[in-house]
PDB file of N, CA and C in Angstrom:
ATOM      1  N   MET A   1     -38.771-220.929  -9.587  1.00  0.00           N
ATOM      2  CA  MET A   1     -37.717-220.970 -10.655  1.00  0.00           C
ATOM      3  C   MET A   1     -37.537-219.036 -10.946  1.00  0.00           C
ATOM      4  N   GLU A   2     -38.903-218.385 -10.681  1.00  0.00           N
ATOM      5  CA  GLU A   2     -39.118-217.056 -11.284  1.00  0.00           C
ATOM      6  C   GLU A   2     -38.789-216.142 -10.318  1.00  0.00           C
ATOM      7  N   ASN A   3     -38.178-216.080  -8.902  1.00  0.00           N
ATOM      8  CA  ASN A   3     -37.448-215.664  -8.027  1.00  0.00           C
ATOM      9  C   ASN A   3     -36.212-215.861  -8.965  1.00  0.00           C
ATOM     10  N   ASP A   4     -36.226-216.474  -9.476  1.00  0.00           N
ATOM     11  CA  ASP A   4     -34.516-217.244 -10.092  1.00  0.00           C
ATOM     12  C   ASP A   4     -34.243-215.732 -11.138  1.00  0.00           C
ATOM     13  N   ALA A   5     -35.152-216.160 -12.041  1.00  0.00           N
ATOM     14  CA  ALA A   5     -35.494-215.365 -13.262  1.00  0.00           C
ATOM     15  C   ALA A   5     -35.587-213.401 -12.198  1.00  0.00           C
ATOM     16  N   LEU A   6     -36.303-213.371 -11.508  1.00  0.00           N
ATOM     17  CA  LEU A   6     -35.962-211.898 -10.884  1.00  0.00           C
ATOM     18  C   LEU A   6     -34.580-211.788 -10.886  1.00  0.00           C
ATOM     19  N   LYS A   7     -34.293-212.149 -10.401  1.00  0.00           N
ATOM     20  CA  LYS A   7     -32.753-212.516  -9.235  1.00  0.00           C
ATOM     21  C   LYS A   7     -31.554-212.170 -10.527  1.00  0.00           C
ATOM     22  N   ASP A   8     -31.771-212.967 -12.057  1.00  0.00           N
ATOM     23  CA  ASP A   8     -30.945-213.382 -13.003  1.00  0.00           C
ATOM     24  C   ASP A   8     -31.296-211.533 -13.485  1.00  0.00           C
ATOM     25  N   LYS A   9     -32.445-210.834 -13.883  1.00  0.00           N
ATOM     26  CA  LYS A   9     -32.600-209.628 -14.319  1.00  0.00           C
ATOM     27  C   LYS A   9     -32.341-208.771 -13.374  1.00  0.00           C
ATOM     28  N   LEU A  10     -31.739-208.182 -11.925  1.00  0.00           N
ATOM     29  CA  LEU A  10     -31.723-207.842 -11.226  1.00  0.00           C
ATOM     30  C   LEU A  10     -30.074-207.880 -11.740  1.00  0.00           C
ATOM     31  N   ASP A  11     -29.043-208.995 -10.935  1.00  0.00           N
ATOM     32  CA  ASP A  11     -27.941-209.128 -11.432  1.00  0.00           C
ATOM     33  C   ASP A  11     -27.359-208.677 -12.845  1.00  0.00           C
ATOM     34  N   ALA A  12     -28.076-208.141 -13.552  1.00  0.00           N
ATOM     35  CA  ALA A  12     -27.412-207.925 -15.546  1.00  0.00           C
ATOM     36  C   ALA A  12     -27.799-206.659 -14.559  1.00  0.00           C
ATOM     37  N   LEU A  13     -28.843-206.239 -14.526  1.00  0.00           N
ATOM     38  CA  LEU A  13     -29.125-204.693 -14.406  1.00  0.00           C
ATOM     39  C   LEU A  13     -27.761-204.189 -13.098  1.00  0.00           C
ATOM     40  N   PHE A  14     -27.278-205.155 -11.888  1.00  0.00           N
ATOM     41  CA  PHE A  14     -26.886-204.262 -11.216  1.00  0.00           C
ATOM     42  C   PHE A  14     -25.260-204.419 -12.141  1.00  0.00           C
ATOM     43  N   ARG A  15     -24.636-204.994 -12.934  1.00  0.00           N
ATOM     44  CA  ARG A  15     -23.465-204.960 -14.027  1.00  0.00           C
ATOM     45  C   ARG A  15     -23.557-204.616 -14.785  1.00  0.00           C
ATOM     46  N   LEU A  16     -24.870-203.633 -15.646  1.00  0.00           N
ATOM     47  CA  LEU A  16     -24.692-202.527 -16.354  1.00  0.00           C
ATOM     48  C   LEU A  16     -24.845-201.409 -15.472  1.00  0.00           C
ATOM     49  N   GLN A  17     -25.168-201.325 -14.613  1.00  0.00           N
ATOM     50  CA  GLN A  17     -24.071-199.623 -13.230  1.00  0.00           C
ATOM     51  C   GLN A  17     -23.548-199.466 -13.251  1.00  0.00           C
ATOM     52  N   ASP A  18     -23.351-200.847 -13.048  1.00  0.00           N
ATOM     53  CA  ASP A  18     -20.981-200.688 -12.326  1.00  0.00           C
ATOM     54  C   ASP A  18     -21.127-201.148 -13.684  1.00  0.00           C
ATOM     55  N   LEU A  19     -20.854-201.036 -15.638  1.00  0.00           N
ATOM     56  CA  LEU A  19     -19.919-200.472 -16.360  1.00  0.00           C
ATOM     57  C   LEU A  19     -20.813-199.338 -16.784  1.00  0.00           C
ATOM     58  N   ASP A  20     -21.184-198.491 -15.788  1.00  0.00           N
ATOM     59  CA  ASP A  20     -22.232-197.665 -16.380  1.00  0.00           C
ATOM     60  C   ASP A  20     -21.145-196.507 -15.606  1.00  0.00           C
ATOM     61  N   ILE A  21     -20.868-197.282 -14.420  1.00  0.00           N
ATOM     62  CA  ILE A  21     -20.069-196.123 -13.416  1.00  0.00           C
ATOM     63  C   ILE A  21     -18.815-196.423 -14.124  1.00  0.00           C
ATOM     64  N   MET A  22     -18.113-197.164 -13.527  1.00  0.00           N
ATOM     65  CA  MET A  22     -16.603-196.660 -14.416  1.00  0.00           C
ATOM     66  C   MET A  22     -16.649-196.136 -16.161  1.00  0.00           C
ATOM     67  N   ILE A  23     -17.512-196.468 -17.050  1.00  0.00           N
ATOM     68  CA  ILE A  23     -17.944-195.648 -17.940  1.00  0.00           C
ATOM     69  C   ILE A  23     -17.409-193.952 -17.834  1.00  0.00           C
ATOM     70  N   ARG A  24     -18.225-193.390 -16.756  1.00  0.00           N
ATOM     71  CA  ARG A  24     -18.568-192.136 -16.604  1.00  0.00           C
ATOM     72  C   ARG A  24     -17.635-191.696 -15.564  1.00  0.00           C
ATOM     73  N   GLU A  25     -16.172-192.620 -14.896  1.00  0.00           N
ATOM     74  CA  GLU A  25     -15.239-191.927 -14.439  1.00  0.00           C
ATOM     75  C   GLU A  25     -14.153-191.424 -15.401  1.00  0.00           C
ATOM     76  N   LEU A  26     -14.362-192.786 -16.269  1.00  0.00           N
ATOM     77  CA  LEU A  26     -13.429-192.431 -17.499  1.00  0.00           C
ATOM     78  C   LEU A  26     -13.660-190.860 -18.728  1.00  0.00           C
ATOM     79  N   LYS A  27     -15.124-190.796 -18.356  1.00  0.00           N
ATOM     80  CA  LYS A  27     -14.431-189.696 -19.223  1.00  0.00           C
ATOM     81  C   LYS A  27     -14.763-188.541 -18.655  1.00  0.00           C
ATOM     82  N   ASP A  28     -14.431-188.417 -16.990  1.00  0.00           N
ATOM     83  CA  ASP A  28     -14.333-187.374 -16.289  1.00  0.00           C
ATOM     84  C   ASP A  28     -12.681-187.093 -16.095  1.00  0.00           C
ATOM     85  N   PRO A  29     -12.807-185.938 -16.730  1.00  0.00           N
ATOM     86  CA  PRO A  29     -10.704-185.229 -16.549  1.00  0.00           C
ATOM     87  C   PRO A  29     -10.483-185.980 -14.900  1.00  0.00           C
ATOM     88  N   PRO A  30     -11.177-185.171 -14.146  1.00  0.00           N
ATOM     89  CA  PRO A  30      -9.918-185.226 -13.154  1.00  0.00           C
ATOM     90  C   PRO A  30     -10.336-186.643 -12.531  1.00  0.00           C
ATOM     91  N   THR A  31     -11.366-186.900 -12.326  1.00  0.00           N
ATOM     92  CA  THR A  31     -11.248-188.674 -12.123  1.00  0.00           C
ATOM     93  C   THR A  31     -10.202-189.424 -12.424  1.00  0.00           C
ATOM     94  N   LYS A  32     -10.399-189.287 -13.958  1.00  0.00           N
ATOM     95  CA  LYS A  32      -8.957-190.293 -14.723  1.00  0.00           C
ATOM     96  C   LYS A  32      -8.054-189.289 -14.342  1.00  0.00           C
ATOM     97  N   GLY A  33      -7.753-188.322 -14.346  1.00  0.00           N
ATOM     98  CA  GLY A  33      -6.092-188.418 -13.827  1.00  0.00           C
ATOM     99  C   GLY A  33      -5.852-189.062 -13.028  1.00  0.00           C
ATOM    100  N   THR A  34      -7.317-188.810 -11.647  1.00  0.00           N
ATOM    101  CA  THR A  34      -6.834-189.651 -10.054  1.00  0.00           C
ATOM    102  C   THR A  34      -6.375-190.566  -9.674  1.00  0.00           C
ATOM    103  N   GLU A  35      -7.204-191.524 -11.185  1.00  0.00           N
ATOM    104  CA  GLU A  35      -7.054-192.572 -11.205  1.00  0.00           C
ATOM    105  C   GLU A  35      -5.584-193.171 -11.820  1.00  0.00           C
ATOM    106  N   GLU A  36      -5.587-192.536 -12.916  1.00  0.00           N
ATOM    107  CA  GLU A  36      -3.898-192.686 -13.508  1.00  0.00           C
ATOM    108  C   GLU A  36      -2.258-192.371 -12.734  1.00  0.00           C
ATOM    109  N   LYS A  37      -2.683-191.303 -11.423  1.00  0.00           N
ATOM    110  CA  LYS A  37      -1.987-190.669 -10.791  1.00  0.00           C
ATOM    111  C   LYS A  37      -1.785-192.485  -9.695  1.00  0.00           C
ATOM    112  N   MET A  38      -3.223-192.292  -9.389  1.00  0.00           N
ATOM    113  CA  MET A  38      -2.773-193.788  -8.438  1.00  0.00           C
ATOM    114  C   MET A  38      -2.638-195.307  -9.293  1.00  0.00           C
ATOM    115  N   GLY A  39      -2.289-194.994 -10.488  1.00  0.00           N
ATOM    116  CA  GLY A  39      -2.049-196.414 -11.107  1.00  0.00           C
ATOM    117  C   GLY A  39      -3.024-197.679 -11.292  1.00  0.00           C
ATOM    118  N   PHE A  40      -3.922-196.960 -12.197  1.00  0.00           N
ATOM    119  CA  PHE A  40      -4.265-197.796 -13.023  1.00  0.00           C
ATOM    120  C   PHE A  40      -4.900-197.067 -14.139  1.00  0.00           C
ATOM    121  N   SER A  41      -5.367-197.815 -15.100  1.00  0.00           N
ATOM    122  CA  SER A  41      -4.970-198.225 -16.581  1.00  0.00           C
ATOM    123  C   SER A  41      -6.602-197.818 -16.700  1.00  0.00           C
ATOM    124  N   VAL A  42      -6.275-196.697 -17.923  1.00  0.00           N
ATOM    125  CA  VAL A  42      -7.897-196.403 -17.864  1.00  0.00           C
ATOM    126  C   VAL A  42      -8.162-196.124 -19.286  1.00  0.00           C
ATOM    127  N   ALA A  43      -6.863-196.932 -19.999  1.00  0.00           N
ATOM    128  CA  ALA A  43      -7.118-196.957 -21.485  1.00  0.00           C
ATOM    129  C   ALA A  43      -8.118-197.420 -22.413  1.00  0.00           C
ATOM    130  N   HIS A  44      -8.686-198.504 -21.707  1.00  0.00           N
ATOM    131  CA  HIS A  44     -10.166-199.084 -22.376  1.00  0.00           C
ATOM    132  C   HIS A  44     -11.208-199.198 -22.435  1.00  0.00           C
ATOM    133  N   LEU A  45     -11.360-197.097 -22.507  1.00  0.00           N
ATOM    134  CA  LEU A  45     -12.746-197.287 -22.302  1.00  0.00           C
ATOM    135  C   LEU A  45     -14.232-198.109 -23.260  1.00  0.00           C
ATOM    136  N   GLU A  46     -13.166-197.804 -24.961  1.00  0.00           N
ATOM    137  CA  GLU A  46     -14.225-198.619 -25.642  1.00  0.00           C
ATOM    138  C   GLU A  46     -14.521-200.030 -25.276  1.00  0.00           C
ATOM    139  N   LYS A  47     -13.452-200.811 -24.365  1.00  0.00           N
ATOM    140  CA  LYS A  47     -13.176-202.898 -24.095  1.00  0.00           C
ATOM    141  C   LYS A  47     -14.631-202.624 -22.740  1.00  0.00           C
ATOM    142  N   LEU A  48     -14.925-201.364 -22.747  1.00  0.00           N
ATOM    143  CA  LEU A  48     -15.879-201.120 -21.713  1.00  0.00           C
ATOM    144  C   LEU A  48     -17.247-200.729 -22.360  1.00  0.00           C
ATOM    145  N   GLN A  49     -17.638-199.735 -22.995  1.00  0.00           N
ATOM    146  CA  GLN A  49     -18.085-199.438 -23.837  1.00  0.00           C
ATOM    147  C   GLN A  49     -19.087-200.772 -24.735  1.00  0.00           C
ATOM    148  N   LEU A  50     -18.224-201.240 -25.033  1.00  0.00           N
ATOM    149  CA  LEU A  50     -18.477-203.086 -25.780  1.00  0.00           C
ATOM    150  C   LEU A  50     -19.238-203.679 -25.380  1.00  0.00           C
ATOM    151  N   ALA A  51     -18.418-203.838 -23.807  1.00  0.00           N
ATOM    152  CA  ALA A  51     -19.420-204.899 -22.925  1.00  0.00           C
ATOM    153  C   ALA A  51     -20.304-204.338 -22.340  1.00  0.00           C
ATOM    154  N   ARG A  52     -20.540-202.755 -22.491  1.00  0.00           N
ATOM    155  CA  ARG A  52     -21.798-203.021 -22.110  1.00  0.00           C
ATOM    156  C   ARG A  52     -23.081-202.502 -22.691  1.00  0.00           C
ATOM    157  N   THR A  53     -22.766-202.657 -23.983  1.00  0.00           N
ATOM    158  CA  THR A  53     -23.911-202.819 -24.905  1.00  0.00           C
ATOM    159  C   THR A  53     -24.201-204.444 -25.020  1.00  0.00           C
ATOM    160  N   ARG A  54     -23.435-205.211 -24.931  1.00  0.00           N
ATOM    161  CA  ARG A  54     -23.645-206.561 -24.876  1.00  0.00           C
ATOM    162  C   ARG A  54     -24.080-206.766 -24.172  1.00  0.00           C
ATOM    163  N   LEU A  55     -23.986-206.305 -22.990  1.00  0.00           N
ATOM    164  CA  LEU A  55     -25.039-206.513 -21.955  1.00  0.00           C
ATOM    165  C   LEU A  55     -25.970-205.923 -21.994  1.00  0.00           C
ATOM    166  N   ALA A  56     -26.488-205.028 -22.224  1.00  0.00           N
ATOM    167  CA  ALA A  56     -28.065-204.384 -22.487  1.00  0.00           C
ATOM    168  C   ALA A  56     -28.455-204.667 -23.796  1.00  0.00           C
ATOM    169  N   GLU A  57     -28.122-205.314 -24.437  1.00  0.00           N
ATOM    170  CA  GLU A  57     -28.604-206.489 -25.727  1.00  0.00           C
ATOM    171  C   GLU A  57     -29.588-207.669 -24.857  1.00  0.00           C
ATOM    172  N   ARG A  58     -28.725-208.403 -23.477  1.00  0.00           N
ATOM    173  CA  ARG A  58     -29.524-208.892 -22.838  1.00  0.00           C
ATOM    174  C   ARG A  58     -30.085-208.828 -22.291  1.00  0.00           C
ATOM    175  N   ILE A  59     -30.291-207.588 -21.962  1.00  0.00           N
ATOM    176  CA  ILE A  59     -31.335-207.175 -20.672  1.00  0.00           C
ATOM    177  C   ILE A  59     -33.196-207.247 -22.106  1.00  0.00           C
ATOM    178  N   PRO A  60     -34.133-207.213 -20.692  1.00  0.00           N
ATOM    179  CA  PRO A  60     -36.010-206.838 -21.910  1.00  0.00           C
ATOM    180  C   PRO A  60     -35.265-205.254 -21.547  1.00  0.00           C
ATOM    181  N   ALA A  61     -36.517-205.242 -22.787  1.00  0.00           N
ATOM    182  CA  ALA A  61     -35.790-203.970 -22.938  1.00  0.00           C
ATOM    183  C   ALA A  61     -37.068-202.923 -21.945  1.00  0.00           C
ATOM    184  N   LEU A  62     -38.082-203.738 -21.977  1.00  0.00           N
ATOM    185  CA  LEU A  62     -38.691-202.367 -20.669  1.00  0.00           C
ATOM    186  C   LEU A  62     -37.940-202.092 -19.195  1.00  0.00           C
ATOM    187  N   ASP A  63     -37.076-203.366 -18.882  1.00  0.00           N
ATOM    188  CA  ASP A  63     -35.635-203.146 -18.049  1.00  0.00           C
ATOM    189  C   ASP A  63     -35.292-202.061 -18.209  1.00  0.00           C
ATOM    190  N   LEU A  64     -34.780-202.076 -19.649  1.00  0.00           N
ATOM    191  CA  LEU A  64     -32.968-201.696 -19.661  1.00  0.00           C
ATOM    192  C   LEU A  64     -33.589-199.885 -20.010  1.00  0.00           C
ATOM    193  N   ARG A  65     -34.597-200.375 -20.856  1.00  0.00           N
ATOM    194  CA  ARG A  65     -35.597-198.476 -20.455  1.00  0.00           C
ATOM    195  C   ARG A  65     -35.882-197.960 -19.201  1.00  0.00           C
ATOM    196  N   LEU A  66     -36.316-198.722 -18.096  1.00  0.00           N
ATOM    197  CA  LEU A  66     -36.899-198.047 -17.461  1.00  0.00           C
ATOM    198  C   LEU A  66     -35.102-197.633 -16.118  1.00  0.00           C
ATOM    199  N   TYR A  67     -34.865-198.783 -16.399  1.00  0.00           N
ATOM    200  CA  TYR A  67     -33.025-198.452 -15.853  1.00  0.00           C
ATOM    201  C   TYR A  67     -32.286-196.982 -16.850  1.00  0.00           C
ATOM    202  N   GLU A  68     -32.552-197.154 -17.665  1.00  0.00           N
ATOM    203  CA  GLU A  68     -32.021-196.170 -18.514  1.00  0.00           C
ATOM    204  C   GLU A  68     -32.247-194.624 -18.055  1.00  0.00           C
ATOM    205  N   ARG A  69     -33.494-194.747 -17.585  1.00  0.00           N
ATOM    206  CA  ARG A  69     -34.270-194.005 -17.160  1.00  0.00           C
ATOM    207  C   ARG A  69     -34.416-192.751 -15.659  1.00  0.00           C
ATOM    208  N   ILE A  70     -34.509-194.105 -15.522  1.00  0.00           N
ATOM    209  CA  ILE A  70     -33.465-193.480 -13.680  1.00  0.00           C
ATOM    210  C   ILE A  70     -32.318-193.454 -13.927  1.00  0.00           C
ATOM    211  N   SER A  71     -31.806-194.214 -14.345  1.00  0.00           N
ATOM    212  CA  SER A  71     -29.779-193.752 -14.275  1.00  0.00           C
ATOM    213  C   SER A  71     -29.970-192.619 -15.239  1.00  0.00           C
ATOM    214  N   ARG A  72     -30.178-191.350 -15.507  1.00  0.00           N
ATOM    215  CA  ARG A  72     -30.171-190.522 -15.829  1.00  0.00           C
ATOM    216  C   ARG A  72     -30.545-189.311 -14.339  1.00  0.00           C
ATOM    217  N   HIS A  73     -31.169-189.542 -13.618  1.00  0.00           N
ATOM    218  CA  HIS A  73     -31.004-189.008 -12.386  1.00  0.00           C
ATOM    219  C   HIS A  73     -30.513-189.601 -11.457  1.00  0.00           C
ATOM    220  N   PHE A  74     -30.201-190.614 -11.280  1.00  0.00           N
ATOM    221  CA  PHE A  74     -29.369-191.465  -9.851  1.00  0.00           C
ATOM    222  C   PHE A  74     -27.806-192.158 -10.455  1.00  0.00           C
ATOM    223  N   THR A  75     -26.829-191.891 -10.082  1.00  0.00           N
ATOM    224  CA  THR A  75     -25.397-192.669 -10.078  1.00  0.00           C
ATOM    225  C   THR A  75     -25.921-194.091  -9.747  1.00  0.00           C
ATOM    226  N   HIS A  76     -26.681-194.398  -8.979  1.00  0.00           N
ATOM    227  CA  HIS A  76     -26.793-195.303  -8.481  1.00  0.00           C
ATOM    228  C   HIS A  76     -28.797-195.890  -8.734  1.00  0.00           C
ATOM    229  N   ALA A  77     -29.230-196.300 -10.315  1.00  0.00           N
ATOM    230  CA  ALA A  77     -30.376-196.590 -10.488  1.00  0.00           C
ATOM    231  C   ALA A  77     -31.093-197.705  -9.477  1.00  0.00           C
ATOM    232  N   ILE A  78     -29.652-198.455  -9.254  1.00  0.00           N
ATOM    233  CA  ILE A  78     -30.394-199.760  -8.423  1.00  0.00           C
ATOM    234  C   ILE A  78     -29.852-199.821  -6.981  1.00  0.00           C
ATOM    235  N   VAL A  79     -30.945-199.932  -5.957  1.00  0.00           N
ATOM    236  CA  VAL A  79     -30.031-199.885  -4.758  1.00  0.00           C
ATOM    237  C   VAL A  79     -31.039-201.272  -3.681  1.00  0.00           C
ATOM    238  N   SER A  80     -30.958-201.224  -2.433  1.00  0.00           N
ATOM    239  CA  SER A  80     -30.776-202.113  -1.755  1.00  0.00           C
ATOM    240  C   SER A  80     -31.268-202.068  -0.972  1.00  0.00           C
ATOM    241  N   VAL A  81     -32.344-202.784  -0.332  1.00  0.00           N
ATOM    242  CA  VAL A  81     -33.538-203.062   0.789  1.00  0.00           C
ATOM    243  C   VAL A  81     -33.028-203.255   2.082  1.00  0.00           C
ATOM    244  N   GLU A  82     -32.838-202.306   3.129  1.00  0.00           N
ATOM    245  CA  GLU A  82     -32.651-203.120   4.338  1.00  0.00           C
ATOM    246  C   GLU A  82     -33.109-202.568   5.339  1.00  0.00           C
ATOM    247  N   ASN A  83     -33.871-203.962   6.086  1.00  0.00           N
ATOM    248  CA  ASN A  83     -34.959-203.727   6.939  1.00  0.00           C
ATOM    249  C   ASN A  83     -36.175-203.100   6.764  1.00  0.00           C
ATOM    250  N   ARG A  84     -36.853-203.071   5.046  1.00  0.00           N
ATOM    251  CA  ARG A  84     -37.680-202.544   4.864  1.00  0.00           C
ATOM    252  C   ARG A  84     -37.582-200.420   4.692  1.00  0.00           C
ATOM    253  N   ILE A  85     -35.968-200.705   4.814  1.00  0.00           N
ATOM    254  CA  ILE A  85     -35.288-198.981   4.408  1.00  0.00           C
ATOM    255  C   ILE A  85     -34.957-198.595   2.612  1.00  0.00           C
ATOM    256  N   CYS A  86     -35.328-198.066   1.988  1.00  0.00           N
ATOM    257  CA  CYS A  86     -35.168-197.790   0.064  1.00  0.00           C
ATOM    258  C   CYS A  86     -33.294-197.564   0.659  1.00  0.00           C
ATOM    259  N   LEU A  87     -32.515-197.826   0.825  1.00  0.00           N
ATOM    260  CA  LEU A  87     -30.505-197.927   0.876  1.00  0.00           C
ATOM    261  C   LEU A  87     -30.008-196.324   0.179  1.00  0.00           C
ATOM    262  N   GLY A  88     -31.620-196.576  -0.951  1.00  0.00           N
ATOM    263  CA  GLY A  88     -31.147-194.561  -2.214  1.00  0.00           C
ATOM    264  C   GLY A  88     -31.381-193.630  -1.269  1.00  0.00           C
ATOM    265  N   CYS A  89     -32.387-193.450  -0.513  1.00  0.00           N
ATOM    266  CA  CYS A  89     -33.310-192.557   0.041  1.00  0.00           C
ATOM    267  C   CYS A  89     -33.281-193.052   1.344  1.00  0.00           C
ATOM    268  N   PHE A  90     -33.080-193.894   1.341  1.00  0.00           N
ATOM    269  CA  PHE A  90     -33.068-194.183   3.911  1.00  0.00           C
ATOM    270  C   PHE A  90     -34.082-193.553   3.731  1.00  0.00           C
ATOM    271  N   MET A  91     -35.094-193.653   3.002  1.00  0.00           N
ATOM    272  CA  MET A  91     -37.013-194.265   3.268  1.00  0.00           C
ATOM    273  C   MET A  91     -37.316-195.273   3.934  1.00  0.00           C
ATOM    274  N   GLY A  92     -38.501-194.915   4.782  1.00  0.00           N
ATOM    275  CA  GLY A  92     -38.814-196.323   4.567  1.00  0.00           C
ATOM    276  C   GLY A  92     -40.457-197.050   4.185  1.00  0.00           C
ATOM    277  N   LEU A  93     -40.390-198.920   3.567  1.00  0.00           N
ATOM    278  CA  LEU A  93     -40.863-198.746   2.780  1.00  0.00           C
ATOM    279  C   LEU A  93     -42.416-198.977   3.181  1.00  0.00           C
ATOM    280  N   PRO A  94     -43.333-198.554   2.757  1.00  0.00           N
ATOM    281  CA  PRO A  94     -44.608-199.268   2.979  1.00  0.00           C
ATOM    282  C   PRO A  94     -44.658-200.719   2.802  1.00  0.00           C
ATOM    283  N   THR A  95     -45.361-201.414   3.735  1.00  0.00           N
ATOM    284  CA  THR A  95     -45.282-203.334   3.757  1.00  0.00           C
ATOM    285  C   THR A  95     -45.764-203.615   2.553  1.00  0.00           C
ATOM    286  N   SER A  96     -46.480-202.891   2.383  1.00  0.00           N
ATOM    287  CA  SER A  96     -47.786-202.824   1.152  1.00  0.00           C
ATOM    288  C   SER A  96     -46.466-203.623  -0.500  1.00  0.00           C
ATOM    289  N   ALA A  97     -45.222-202.132  -0.254  1.00  0.00           N
ATOM    290  CA  ALA A  97     -44.002-202.864  -1.659  1.00  0.00           C
ATOM    291  C   ALA A  97     -43.155-203.922  -0.519  1.00  0.00           C
ATOM    292  N   VAL A  98     -43.175-204.391   0.169  1.00  0.00           N
ATOM    293  CA  VAL A  98     -42.356-205.574   0.739  1.00  0.00           C
ATOM    294  C   VAL A  98     -42.485-206.794   0.510  1.00  0.00           C
ATOM    295  N   SER A  99     -44.288-206.334   0.553  1.00  0.00           N
ATOM    296  CA  SER A  99     -45.283-208.089   0.023  1.00  0.00           C
ATOM    297  C   SER A  99     -45.147-207.982  -0.819  1.00  0.00           C
ATOM    298  N   LEU A 100     -45.166-207.277  -2.109  1.00  0.00           N
ATOM    299  CA  LEU A 100     -44.890-207.515  -3.184  1.00  0.00           C
ATOM    300  C   LEU A 100     -43.622-208.053  -3.300  1.00  0.00           C
ATOM    301  N   ARG A 101     -42.942-208.093  -2.830  1.00  0.00           N
ATOM    302  CA  ARG A 101     -41.184-207.722  -3.972  1.00  0.00           C
ATOM    303  C   ARG A 101     -41.408-209.351  -4.753  1.00  0.00           C
ATOM    304  N   THR A 102     -42.063-209.748  -3.851  1.00  0.00           N
ATOM    305  CA  THR A 102     -41.778-212.230  -4.488  1.00  0.00           C
ATOM    306  C   THR A 102     -43.099-211.368  -5.747  1.00  0.00           C
ATOM    307  N   GLU A 103     -44.101-210.552  -6.032  1.00  0.00           N
ATOM    308  CA  GLU A 103     -44.249-210.771  -7.433  1.00  0.00           C
ATOM    309  C   GLU A 103     -43.455-211.742  -8.614  1.00  0.00           C
ATOM    310  N   PRO A 104     -43.908-212.771  -8.945  1.00  0.00           N
ATOM    311  CA  PRO A 104     -42.976-213.143  -9.552  1.00  0.00           C
ATOM    312  C   PRO A 104     -42.047-212.132 -11.021  1.00  0.00           C
ATOM    313  N   GLY A 105     -40.847-212.083 -11.741  1.00  0.00           N
ATOM    314  CA  GLY A 105     -40.677-211.187 -12.347  1.00  0.00           C
ATOM    315  C   GLY A 105     -40.366-209.913 -12.232  1.00  0.00           C
ATOM    316  N   MET A 106     -41.384-209.631 -10.797  1.00  0.00           N
ATOM    317  CA  MET A 106     -41.681-207.805 -11.214  1.00  0.00           C
ATOM    318  C   MET A 106     -40.896-206.865 -11.184  1.00  0.00           C
ATOM    319  N   VAL A 107     -40.367-205.692 -11.552  1.00  0.00           N
ATOM    320  CA  VAL A 107     -38.688-205.073 -10.764  1.00  0.00           C
ATOM    321  C   VAL A 107     -39.876-203.939 -10.086  1.00  0.00           C
ATOM    322  N   ARG A 108     -39.879-204.066  -8.832  1.00  0.00           N
ATOM    323  CA  ARG A 108     -40.087-202.552  -7.723  1.00  0.00           C
ATOM    324  C   ARG A 108     -39.272-201.918  -7.445  1.00  0.00           C
ATOM    325  N   LEU A 109     -39.666-200.722  -7.762  1.00  0.00           N
ATOM    326  CA  LEU A 109     -39.825-199.763  -6.890  1.00  0.00           C
ATOM    327  C   LEU A 109     -39.819-198.549  -5.625  1.00  0.00           C
ATOM    328  N   CYS A 110     -39.111-198.144  -5.988  1.00  0.00           N
ATOM    329  CA  CYS A 110     -39.653-196.965  -4.240  1.00  0.00           C
ATOM    330  C   CYS A 110     -39.962-195.967  -4.912  1.00  0.00           C
ATOM    331  N   GLU A 111     -41.297-196.311  -3.682  1.00  0.00           N
ATOM    332  CA  GLU A 111     -42.062-194.687  -3.850  1.00  0.00           C
ATOM    333  C   GLU A 111     -41.838-194.044  -3.686  1.00  0.00           C
ATOM    334  N   ASN A 112     -40.205-193.287  -3.330  1.00  0.00           N
ATOM    335  CA  ASN A 112     -40.145-192.285  -2.492  1.00  0.00           C
ATOM    336  C   ASN A 112     -39.414-191.137  -4.026  1.00  0.00           C
ATOM    337  N   CYS A 113     -38.291-192.770  -3.806  1.00  0.00           N
ATOM    338  CA  CYS A 113     -36.962-191.414  -5.198  1.00  0.00           C
ATOM    339  C   CYS A 113     -37.070-192.091  -6.250  1.00  0.00           C
ATOM    340  N   GLY A 114     -38.062-193.356  -6.341  1.00  0.00           N
ATOM    341  CA  GLY A 114     -38.165-194.128  -8.053  1.00  0.00           C
ATOM    342  C   GLY A 114     -37.127-195.174  -8.171  1.00  0.00           C
ATOM    343  N   ARG A 115     -36.436-195.315  -7.666  1.00  0.00           N
ATOM    344  CA  ARG A 115     -34.915-196.309  -8.362  1.00  0.00           C
ATOM    345  C   ARG A 115     -35.349-197.828  -7.944  1.00  0.00           C
ATOM    346  N   ILE A 116     -34.691-198.737  -8.393  1.00  0.00           N
ATOM    347  CA  ILE A 116     -35.093-200.237  -8.751  1.00  0.00           C
ATOM    348  C   ILE A 116     -34.794-200.634  -7.807  1.00  0.00           C
ATOM    349  N   LEU A 117     -35.390-201.299  -6.694  1.00  0.00           N
ATOM    350  CA  LEU A 117     -35.186-202.011  -5.027  1.00  0.00           C
ATOM    351  C   LEU A 117     -34.768-202.967  -5.331  1.00  0.00           C
ATOM    352  N   TYR A 118     -33.493-203.323  -4.438  1.00  0.00           N
ATOM    353  CA  TYR A 118     -33.030-205.396  -4.634  1.00  0.00           C
ATOM    354  C   TYR A 118     -32.769-205.982  -3.277  1.00  0.00           C
ATOM    355  N   TRP A 119     -33.899-206.402  -3.071  1.00  0.00           N
ATOM    356  CA  TRP A 119     -33.901-207.363  -1.721  1.00  0.00           C
ATOM    357  C   TRP A 119     -32.562-208.193  -1.660  1.00  0.00           C
ATOM    358  N   LEU A 120     -31.637-208.458  -0.669  1.00  0.00           N
ATOM    359  CA  LEU A 120     -30.587-208.662  -0.568  1.00  0.00           C
ATOM    360  C   LEU A 120     -30.867-209.914  -0.091  1.00  0.00           C
ATOM    361  N   ASP A 121     -31.829-210.813   0.765  1.00  0.00           N
ATOM    362  CA  ASP A 121     -32.026-211.715   0.789  1.00  0.00           C
ATOM    363  C   ASP A 121     -32.836-212.701   0.049  1.00  0.00           C
ATOM    364  N   TYR A 122     -33.175-212.506  -1.821  1.00  0.00           N
ATOM    365  CA  TYR A 122     -33.355-213.760  -1.957  1.00  0.00           C
ATOM    366  C   TYR A 122     -33.433-215.227  -2.181  1.00  0.00           C
TER     367      TYR A 122
END
């Protein structure tokens, strides 16, 4: 059950990251122009920002601050782990980090790059 709470928290952070990436792309003139040429609608920036605000209100304050601090440095603040490898920096994780991943409700960070880690096999 506690793993479900962690999974829900990480899922919300993933959705927030996706919204942030879409907002960043719509604010970038070259990217916006490319998307318009490809036929994508780029007129809904305000709706994306509203959705981001609403989602951010549902995320615990400490987790939101952590995510926002990391996302200032990396486009993808949350990355998955595969075979004890952080897929953000592609460095191996120590065995201790892997064994701590099941600690109830705790968000884990990569010891090398500092990104939030997400194991796909929760």
